[in-house]
Each structure stands twice: as structure tokens, then as C-alpha cells.
PDB file of N, CA and C in Angstrom:
ATOM      1  N   MET A   1      10.890 -37.662-102.170  1.00  0.00           N
ATOM      2  CA  MET A   1      10.800 -37.281-100.601  1.00  0.00           C
ATOM      3  C   MET A   1      11.614 -35.874-101.038  1.00  0.00           C
ATOM      4  N   ARG A   2      11.277 -34.773-100.465  1.00  0.00           N
ATOM      5  CA  ARG A   2      11.891 -33.344-100.680  1.00  0.00           C
ATOM      6  C   ARG A   2      12.422 -33.121 -99.270  1.00  0.00           C
ATOM      7  N   TYR A   3      13.206 -32.135 -99.275  1.00  0.00           N
ATOM      8  CA  TYR A   3      13.349 -31.768 -97.853  1.00  0.00           C
ATOM      9  C   TYR A   3      14.505 -30.240 -97.858  1.00  0.00           C
ATOM     10  N   PRO A   4      14.492 -29.174 -97.120  1.00  0.00           N
ATOM     11  CA  PRO A   4      15.124 -27.990 -97.140  1.00  0.00           C
ATOM     12  C   PRO A   4      17.150 -28.508 -97.157  1.00  0.00           C
ATOM     13  N   PRO A   5      17.526 -28.060 -98.309  1.00  0.00           N
ATOM     14  CA  PRO A   5      19.034 -28.199 -98.363  1.00  0.00           C
ATOM     15  C   PRO A   5      19.716 -27.573 -97.641  1.00  0.00           C
ATOM     16  N   THR A   6      19.205 -26.802 -96.544  1.00  0.00           N
ATOM     17  CA  THR A   6      20.019 -26.132 -95.796  1.00  0.00           C
ATOM     18  C   THR A   6      20.049 -26.996 -94.553  1.00  0.00           C
ATOM     19  N   ASN A   7      19.293 -27.836 -94.711  1.00  0.00           N
ATOM     20  CA  ASN A   7      19.251 -29.177 -93.598  1.00  0.00           C
ATOM     21  C   ASN A   7      20.298 -30.231 -93.176  1.00  0.00           C
ATOM     22  N   GLN A   8      21.284 -29.709 -92.108  1.00  0.00           N
ATOM     23  CA  GLN A   8      22.226 -30.149 -92.288  1.00  0.00           C
ATOM     24  C   GLN A   8      22.174 -31.657 -91.664  1.00  0.00           C
ATOM     25  N   HIS A   9      21.334 -32.255 -91.184  1.00  0.00           N
ATOM     26  CA  HIS A   9      20.932 -33.822 -90.953  1.00  0.00           C
ATOM     27  C   HIS A   9      20.039 -34.450 -91.702  1.00  0.00           C
ATOM     28  N   ALA A  10      19.998 -33.867 -92.922  1.00  0.00           N
ATOM     29  CA  ALA A  10      18.805 -34.582 -94.072  1.00  0.00           C
ATOM     30  C   ALA A  10      19.548 -35.917 -94.146  1.00  0.00           C
ATOM     31  N   ASN A  11      20.596 -35.479 -94.935  1.00  0.00           N
ATOM     32  CA  ASN A  11      21.178 -36.471 -95.810  1.00  0.00           C
ATOM     33  C   ASN A  11      21.629 -37.630 -94.611  1.00  0.00           C
ATOM     34  N   GLY A  12      22.495 -37.837 -93.640  1.00  0.00           N
ATOM     35  CA  GLY A  12      21.818 -38.875 -92.528  1.00  0.00           C
ATOM     36  C   GLY A  12      20.461 -39.381 -92.291  1.00  0.00           C
ATOM     37  N   ASP A  13      19.789 -38.883 -91.816  1.00  0.00           N
ATOM     38  CA  ASP A  13      18.331 -38.900 -92.050  1.00  0.00           C
ATOM     39  C   ASP A  13      17.906 -39.890 -93.206  1.00  0.00           C
ATOM     40  N   LEU A  14      17.943 -39.208 -94.163  1.00  0.00           N
ATOM     41  CA  LEU A  14      17.553 -40.014 -95.535  1.00  0.00           C
ATOM     42  C   LEU A  14      18.369 -41.492 -95.701  1.00  0.00           C
ATOM     43  N   GLU A  15      19.982 -41.238 -95.426  1.00  0.00           N
ATOM     44  CA  GLU A  15      20.275 -42.739 -95.081  1.00  0.00           C
ATOM     45  C   GLU A  15      19.854 -43.731 -94.698  1.00  0.00           C
ATOM     46  N   GLN A  16      19.402 -43.115 -93.370  1.00  0.00           N
ATOM     47  CA  GLN A  16      18.939 -44.312 -92.298  1.00  0.00           C
ATOM     48  C   GLN A  16      17.712 -44.855 -92.961  1.00  0.00           C
ATOM     49  N   ILE A  17      16.881 -44.102 -93.195  1.00  0.00           N
ATOM     50  CA  ILE A  17      15.474 -44.121 -94.131  1.00  0.00           C
ATOM     51  C   ILE A  17      15.947 -45.641 -94.982  1.00  0.00           C
ATOM     52  N   ARG A  18      16.645 -45.170 -96.018  1.00  0.00           N
ATOM     53  CA  ARG A  18      16.898 -45.870 -97.073  1.00  0.00           C
ATOM     54  C   ARG A  18      17.312 -47.480 -96.441  1.00  0.00           C
ATOM     55  N   THR A  19      18.258 -47.272 -95.549  1.00  0.00           N
ATOM     56  CA  THR A  19      18.540 -48.522 -94.554  1.00  0.00           C
ATOM     57  C   THR A  19      17.814 -49.380 -94.107  1.00  0.00           C
ATOM     58  N   ASP A  20      16.899 -48.326 -93.426  1.00  0.00           N
ATOM     59  CA  ASP A  20      15.594 -49.542 -92.871  1.00  0.00           C
ATOM     60  C   ASP A  20      14.882 -50.075 -94.239  1.00  0.00           C
ATOM     61  N   TYR A  21      14.559 -49.194 -94.947  1.00  0.00           N
ATOM     62  CA  TYR A  21      13.805 -49.742 -95.909  1.00  0.00           C
ATOM     63  C   TYR A  21      14.458 -51.311 -96.819  1.00  0.00           C
ATOM     64  N   GLN A  22      15.658 -50.985 -97.476  1.00  0.00           N
ATOM     65  CA  GLN A  22      16.189 -52.547 -97.481  1.00  0.00           C
ATOM     66  C   GLN A  22      16.177 -53.522 -97.110  1.00  0.00           C
ATOM     67  N   HIS A  23      16.090 -53.139 -95.219  1.00  0.00           N
ATOM     68  CA  HIS A  23      16.581 -54.459 -94.753  1.00  0.00           C
ATOM     69  C   HIS A  23      14.684 -55.000 -94.297  1.00  0.00           C
ATOM     70  N   LEU A  24      14.073 -54.028 -94.027  1.00  0.00           N
ATOM     71  CA  LEU A  24      12.197 -53.944 -94.445  1.00  0.00           C
ATOM     72  C   LEU A  24      11.815 -55.056 -95.388  1.00  0.00           C
ATOM     73  N   PHE A  25      12.065 -54.319 -96.298  1.00  0.00           N
ATOM     74  CA  PHE A  25      11.847 -55.364 -97.555  1.00  0.00           C
ATOM     75  C   PHE A  25      12.350 -55.980 -98.351  1.00  0.00           C
ATOM     76  N   ASP A  26      13.700 -56.459 -97.741  1.00  0.00           N
ATOM     77  CA  ASP A  26      14.561 -57.396 -98.029  1.00  0.00           C
ATOM     78  C   ASP A  26      14.983 -57.153-100.079  1.00  0.00           C
ATOM     79  N   GLN A  27      15.569 -55.498-100.096  1.00  0.00           N
ATOM     80  CA  GLN A  27      15.435 -54.855-101.407  1.00  0.00           C
ATOM     81  C   GLN A  27      17.299 -55.109-101.399  1.00  0.00           C
ATOM     82  N   GLU A  28      17.592 -55.337-103.070  1.00  0.00           N
ATOM     83  CA  GLU A  28      18.890 -55.532-102.650  1.00  0.00           C
ATOM     84  C   GLU A  28      19.705 -53.768-102.984  1.00  0.00           C
ATOM     85  N   SER A  29      18.648 -53.181-103.507  1.00  0.00           N
ATOM     86  CA  SER A  29      18.921 -51.170-103.509  1.00  0.00           C
ATOM     87  C   SER A  29      17.891 -50.337-103.230  1.00  0.00           C
ATOM     88  N   VAL A  30      18.135 -49.335-103.145  1.00  0.00           N
ATOM     89  CA  VAL A  30      16.819 -48.413-103.209  1.00  0.00           C
ATOM     90  C   VAL A  30      17.307 -47.082-104.063  1.00  0.00           C
ATOM     91  N   LEU A  31      16.913 -46.711-104.407  1.00  0.00           N
ATOM     92  CA  LEU A  31      17.053 -45.143-105.737  1.00  0.00           C
ATOM     93  C   LEU A  31      17.434 -44.263-104.805  1.00  0.00           C
ATOM     94  N   TRP A  32      18.299 -43.344-105.219  1.00  0.00           N
ATOM     95  CA  TRP A  32      18.589 -41.852-104.448  1.00  0.00           C
ATOM     96  C   TRP A  32      19.019 -41.107-105.789  1.00  0.00           C
ATOM     97  N   THR A  33      18.544 -39.842-105.642  1.00  0.00           N
ATOM     98  CA  THR A  33      18.811 -39.154-106.527  1.00  0.00           C
ATOM     99  C   THR A  33      18.933 -37.350-105.912  1.00  0.00           C
ATOM    100  N   ASP A  34      19.939 -37.127-105.838  1.00  0.00           N
ATOM    101  CA  ASP A  34      20.504 -35.562-105.155  1.00  0.00           C
ATOM    102  C   ASP A  34      19.899 -34.462-106.384  1.00  0.00           C
ATOM    103  N   SER A  35      19.341 -34.905-106.973  1.00  0.00           N
ATOM    104  CA  SER A  35      18.893 -33.502-108.526  1.00  0.00           C
ATOM    105  C   SER A  35      17.697 -33.177-108.492  1.00  0.00           C
ATOM    106  N   THR A  36      17.351 -32.397-108.967  1.00  0.00           N
ATOM    107  CA  THR A  36      15.745 -31.861-109.245  1.00  0.00           C
ATOM    108  C   THR A  36      15.626 -32.571-110.603  1.00  0.00           C
ATOM    109  N   ALA A  37      15.200 -33.484-111.026  1.00  0.00           N
ATOM    110  CA  ALA A  37      14.584 -33.865-112.105  1.00  0.00           C
ATOM    111  C   ALA A  37      13.243 -34.567-112.135  1.00  0.00           C
ATOM    112  N   ARG A  38      12.705 -34.515-113.201  1.00  0.00           N
ATOM    113  CA  ARG A  38      11.693 -35.432-113.441  1.00  0.00           C
ATOM    114  C   ARG A  38      11.623 -36.790-113.929  1.00  0.00           C
ATOM    115  N   VAL A  39      11.235 -37.477-113.389  1.00  0.00           N
ATOM    116  CA  VAL A  39      11.070 -39.030-114.100  1.00  0.00           C
ATOM    117  C   VAL A  39       9.850 -39.690-113.933  1.00  0.00           C
ATOM    118  N   SER A  40       9.918 -40.569-114.909  1.00  0.00           N
ATOM    119  CA  SER A  40       8.482 -41.614-115.034  1.00  0.00           C
ATOM    120  C   SER A  40       9.084 -42.864-115.073  1.00  0.00           C
ATOM    121  N   PHE A  41       8.227 -44.008-114.676  1.00  0.00           N
ATOM    122  CA  PHE A  41       7.783 -45.089-114.166  1.00  0.00           C
ATOM    123  C   PHE A  41       6.921 -45.656-115.194  1.00  0.00           C
TER     124      PHE A  41
END
């Protein structure tokens, strides 16, 4: 997910999404990265 770095509420909004996802799908953790990086799974 990408968001403008100038958005002051983005961190709180994204944290809420992570929390909701963890509870909804019974996950122990949800990956979060704040840097620009390329990943491969």
C-alpha cells in the first residue's frame, strides 16, 4: 500500500488496518515496512 508521506494521519490509519486484519483473519502478525524496497516471495 502506498500513501503520501505528508499525510499526518496515514500511520494511525494503517495501524488500524493492520489491527483489523490480524483480528479478522486470526493472524499473529502482519508485515509492515516503512522503507521503499523491493521484495520477493
